[in-house]
N, C-alpha and C. Protein backbone atom coordinates (compact mmCIF):
# COMPACT_ATOMS: atom_id res chain seq x y z
N MET A 1 -102.19 32.20 -30.77
CA MET A 1 -102.00 30.72 -30.19
C MET A 1 -101.96 30.35 -31.76
N SER A 2 -100.33 29.45 -31.72
CA SER A 2 -100.35 29.21 -32.69
C SER A 2 -101.07 27.21 -33.26
N SER A 3 -101.01 26.61 -33.86
CA SER A 3 -101.84 25.61 -34.01
C SER A 3 -101.55 24.27 -32.96
N HIS A 4 -99.87 24.49 -33.54
CA HIS A 4 -99.42 23.43 -32.67
C HIS A 4 -98.99 23.56 -31.44
N GLN A 5 -99.69 24.78 -30.52
CA GLN A 5 -99.18 24.84 -29.44
C GLN A 5 -100.77 24.61 -28.91
N ASN A 6 -101.97 24.75 -29.97
CA ASN A 6 -103.48 24.32 -29.33
C ASN A 6 -102.94 22.54 -29.68
N LEU A 7 -102.69 21.70 -30.58
CA LEU A 7 -102.46 21.06 -29.88
C LEU A 7 -101.59 20.28 -28.84
N GLN A 8 -100.27 20.88 -28.27
CA GLN A 8 -100.04 20.52 -27.18
C GLN A 8 -100.62 20.50 -26.36
N GLN A 9 -101.35 21.31 -25.80
CA GLN A 9 -102.42 21.92 -25.24
C GLN A 9 -102.90 20.52 -25.26
N ILE A 10 -104.18 20.34 -25.99
CA ILE A 10 -105.68 19.19 -26.40
C ILE A 10 -104.66 18.08 -25.64
N ILE A 11 -103.34 17.71 -26.06
CA ILE A 11 -102.66 16.24 -26.21
C ILE A 11 -102.87 15.98 -24.70
N THR A 12 -102.36 17.53 -23.78
CA THR A 12 -101.89 17.25 -22.63
C THR A 12 -103.35 17.16 -21.74
N GLN A 13 -104.45 17.25 -22.08
CA GLN A 13 -106.10 17.87 -21.11
C GLN A 13 -106.31 15.62 -21.63
N SER A 14 -106.21 15.64 -22.74
CA SER A 14 -106.43 14.81 -22.97
C SER A 14 -105.57 13.72 -22.16
N ALA A 15 -104.81 13.46 -22.14
CA ALA A 15 -103.54 12.95 -21.40
C ALA A 15 -103.56 12.90 -20.07
N THR A 16 -104.40 14.37 -19.49
CA THR A 16 -104.54 13.74 -18.17
C THR A 16 -105.74 13.42 -18.04
N GLN A 17 -106.87 13.88 -19.02
CA GLN A 17 -107.90 13.33 -18.64
C GLN A 17 -108.28 11.67 -19.06
N TYR A 18 -107.39 11.02 -19.31
CA TYR A 18 -107.13 9.40 -19.45
C TYR A 18 -106.54 8.55 -18.54
N LEU A 19 -105.14 9.43 -18.05
CA LEU A 19 -104.79 8.94 -17.08
C LEU A 19 -105.72 8.31 -15.39
N GLN A 20 -106.72 10.03 -15.29
CA GLN A 20 -107.79 9.64 -14.18
C GLN A 20 -109.00 8.88 -14.12
N GLN A 21 -108.83 7.96 -15.51
CA GLN A 21 -109.77 7.57 -16.03
C GLN A 21 -109.48 5.66 -15.65
N ALA A 22 -108.13 5.89 -16.41
CA ALA A 22 -107.24 4.44 -16.76
C ALA A 22 -106.96 3.80 -14.55
N GLY A 23 -107.12 4.93 -13.91
CA GLY A 23 -106.39 4.76 -12.82
C GLY A 23 -105.13 4.50 -12.39
N THR A 24 -105.09 3.37 -11.45
CA THR A 24 -103.85 2.56 -10.90
C THR A 24 -103.30 0.98 -12.26
N SER A 25 -104.00 0.52 -12.53
CA SER A 25 -103.79 -0.37 -13.00
C SER A 25 -103.45 -0.56 -14.71
N GLY A 26 -104.00 1.00 -15.61
CA GLY A 26 -103.35 1.11 -16.80
C GLY A 26 -104.79 0.82 -17.25
N ARG A 27 -104.10 0.35 -18.60
CA ARG A 27 -104.65 -0.88 -19.90
C ARG A 27 -104.03 -1.25 -20.67
N LEU A 28 -104.12 -1.91 -21.21
CA LEU A 28 -103.06 -2.65 -22.51
C LEU A 28 -103.48 -1.44 -23.26
N LEU A 29 -102.06 -1.49 -24.46
CA LEU A 29 -102.18 -0.92 -25.75
C LEU A 29 -103.40 -0.81 -26.56
N TYR A 30 -104.22 -1.62 -26.64
CA TYR A 30 -105.09 -1.69 -27.24
C TYR A 30 -106.31 -0.90 -26.72
N ASP A 31 -106.41 -0.90 -25.67
CA ASP A 31 -107.46 0.15 -25.13
C ASP A 31 -107.17 0.66 -24.60
N PHE A 32 -105.74 1.47 -24.74
CA PHE A 32 -105.01 3.09 -24.12
C PHE A 32 -105.91 3.40 -25.40
N ASN A 33 -105.26 3.03 -26.54
CA ASN A 33 -105.12 3.41 -28.63
C ASN A 33 -106.66 3.61 -28.03
N LYS A 34 -108.01 3.05 -28.20
CA LYS A 34 -108.89 3.30 -28.73
C LYS A 34 -109.74 4.47 -27.15
N ALA A 35 -109.25 4.04 -25.88
CA ALA A 35 -109.80 4.76 -25.24
C ALA A 35 -109.11 6.88 -25.14
N PHE A 36 -108.13 6.41 -25.63
CA PHE A 36 -107.06 7.92 -25.90
C PHE A 36 -107.64 7.94 -27.41
N GLU A 37 -107.55 8.14 -28.00
CA GLU A 37 -108.45 8.52 -29.28
C GLU A 37 -110.07 9.25 -29.06
N LYS A 38 -110.74 8.42 -28.45
CA LYS A 38 -112.33 8.97 -28.27
C LYS A 38 -112.02 10.41 -26.85
N ILE A 39 -111.31 9.77 -26.19
CA ILE A 39 -110.63 11.14 -25.36
C ILE A 39 -110.29 12.53 -26.21
N ILE A 40 -109.38 12.19 -27.05
CA ILE A 40 -108.59 13.11 -27.68
C ILE A 40 -109.76 14.13 -29.07
N ILE A 41 -110.18 12.71 -29.75
CA ILE A 41 -111.28 13.49 -30.42
C ILE A 41 -111.87 14.50 -29.48
N GLU A 42 -113.11 14.12 -28.56
CA GLU A 42 -113.91 15.02 -27.20
C GLU A 42 -112.89 16.02 -27.15
N THR A 43 -111.68 15.56 -26.75
CA THR A 43 -111.05 17.34 -26.02
C THR A 43 -111.14 18.19 -27.54
N THR A 44 -110.92 18.13 -28.83
CA THR A 44 -109.99 18.56 -29.63
C THR A 44 -111.68 18.89 -30.16
N LEU A 45 -113.16 18.57 -30.33
CA LEU A 45 -114.01 19.17 -30.29
C LEU A 45 -114.40 19.74 -29.56
N ASN A 46 -114.41 19.85 -28.27
CA ASN A 46 -114.40 20.83 -27.09
C ASN A 46 -113.61 21.98 -27.37
N PHE A 47 -112.80 21.69 -28.07
CA PHE A 47 -111.67 22.80 -28.13
C PHE A 47 -111.95 23.85 -29.20
N TYR A 48 -112.48 23.70 -30.09
CA TYR A 48 -112.85 24.18 -31.27
C TYR A 48 -114.82 23.73 -31.44
N GLN A 49 -115.20 24.43 -30.35
CA GLN A 49 -116.48 24.41 -30.42
C GLN A 49 -117.70 23.68 -31.56
N ASN A 50 -116.73 22.06 -31.09
CA ASN A 50 -118.02 21.55 -32.50
C ASN A 50 -117.25 21.80 -33.28
N ASN A 51 -116.58 22.15 -33.74
CA ASN A 51 -115.98 22.35 -35.18
C ASN A 51 -115.46 21.91 -36.20
N ILE A 52 -116.03 20.84 -37.05
CA ILE A 52 -115.50 20.05 -37.60
C ILE A 52 -113.81 19.78 -38.23
N SER A 53 -114.35 20.55 -39.23
CA SER A 53 -113.28 21.33 -40.32
C SER A 53 -112.18 21.76 -38.91
N SER A 54 -112.21 22.23 -38.40
CA SER A 54 -111.41 23.09 -37.10
C SER A 54 -110.53 21.91 -36.34
N ALA A 55 -111.42 20.56 -36.16
CA ALA A 55 -110.98 20.02 -35.08
C ALA A 55 -109.80 18.57 -35.95
N ALA A 56 -110.54 18.68 -37.38
CA ALA A 56 -109.97 17.36 -38.20
C ALA A 56 -108.91 18.08 -38.84
N LYS A 57 -108.78 19.56 -38.75
CA LYS A 57 -107.61 19.84 -39.71
C LYS A 57 -106.08 19.91 -38.80
N ALA A 58 -106.85 20.19 -37.14
CA ALA A 58 -106.15 20.25 -35.79
C ALA A 58 -105.19 18.32 -35.64
N LEU A 59 -106.27 17.31 -35.79
CA LEU A 59 -105.88 16.49 -35.48
C LEU A 59 -105.20 15.54 -36.97
N GLY A 60 -105.56 16.32 -37.88
CA GLY A 60 -104.25 16.15 -38.36
C GLY A 60 -105.10 14.67 -39.58
N ILE A 61 -106.59 14.76 -40.15
CA ILE A 61 -107.22 13.57 -40.39
C ILE A 61 -108.16 14.96 -41.08
N SER A 62 -108.99 14.07 -42.65
CA SER A 62 -109.62 14.21 -43.18
C SER A 62 -111.41 14.38 -42.16
N ARG A 63 -111.94 15.39 -42.58
CA ARG A 63 -113.38 16.04 -42.15
C ARG A 63 -113.92 14.27 -42.04
N THR A 64 -114.00 13.56 -42.99
CA THR A 64 -114.90 11.98 -43.45
C THR A 64 -114.48 11.74 -42.89
N SER A 65 -112.99 11.43 -42.25
CA SER A 65 -112.37 10.41 -41.19
C SER A 65 -113.20 10.72 -40.18
N LEU A 66 -112.41 12.30 -39.29
CA LEU A 66 -112.99 12.43 -38.24
C LEU A 66 -114.91 12.39 -37.64
N TYR A 67 -115.43 12.29 -39.40
CA TYR A 67 -117.24 11.34 -38.83
C TYR A 67 -116.88 10.87 -38.53
N LYS A 68 -115.81 9.75 -39.54
CA LYS A 68 -116.47 8.23 -39.27
C LYS A 68 -116.04 7.54 -37.08
N LYS A 69 -114.98 8.64 -37.04
CA LYS A 69 -114.81 8.41 -36.12
C LYS A 69 -114.95 8.87 -34.48
N ILE A 70 -115.71 10.11 -35.15
CA ILE A 70 -117.24 10.12 -33.66
C ILE A 70 -118.08 9.33 -33.95
N LYS A 71 -118.66 8.58 -35.18
CA LYS A 71 -119.13 7.80 -35.38
C LYS A 71 -119.12 6.29 -34.47
N HIS A 72 -118.00 6.17 -34.94
CA HIS A 72 -117.55 5.05 -33.92
C HIS A 72 -117.59 4.33 -32.64
N HIS A 73 -117.06 6.06 -31.62
CA HIS A 73 -116.94 6.00 -30.86
C HIS A 73 -117.59 7.24 -29.72
N ASN A 74 -119.49 6.43 -30.51
CA ASN A 74 -120.98 7.24 -30.39
C ASN A 74 -120.40 8.60 -29.72
N LEU A 75 -120.18 9.50 -30.22
CA LEU A 75 -119.56 10.72 -29.26
C LEU A 75 -121.25 11.64 -30.02
N ILE A 76 -121.67 11.36 -30.90
CA ILE A 76 -122.96 12.10 -31.39
C ILE A 76 -123.52 10.60 -31.38
N GLU A 77 -125.55 11.77 -31.61
CA GLU A 77 -126.76 11.16 -31.34
C GLU A 77 -126.26 10.56 -32.59
N SER A 78 -127.26 9.35 -32.70
CA SER A 78 -127.70 8.62 -34.08
C SER A 78 -129.22 9.75 -35.13
């Protein structure tokens, strides 16, 4: 499977999960961006079995940026 297909699968799973969480009322753009970023990071990390390098590459960001986002969204234990 190509990385484009992987990313497409990750985005589809993340969007589905977001829509389930948002409910019928949805959210404002800021809330959407924040919530969706967290979901797509979680989904990508799960897809790549918590391999930070692979997840960061798939998301198109540096490992350092991904670590910061993981910490920001409280996705790791301190």
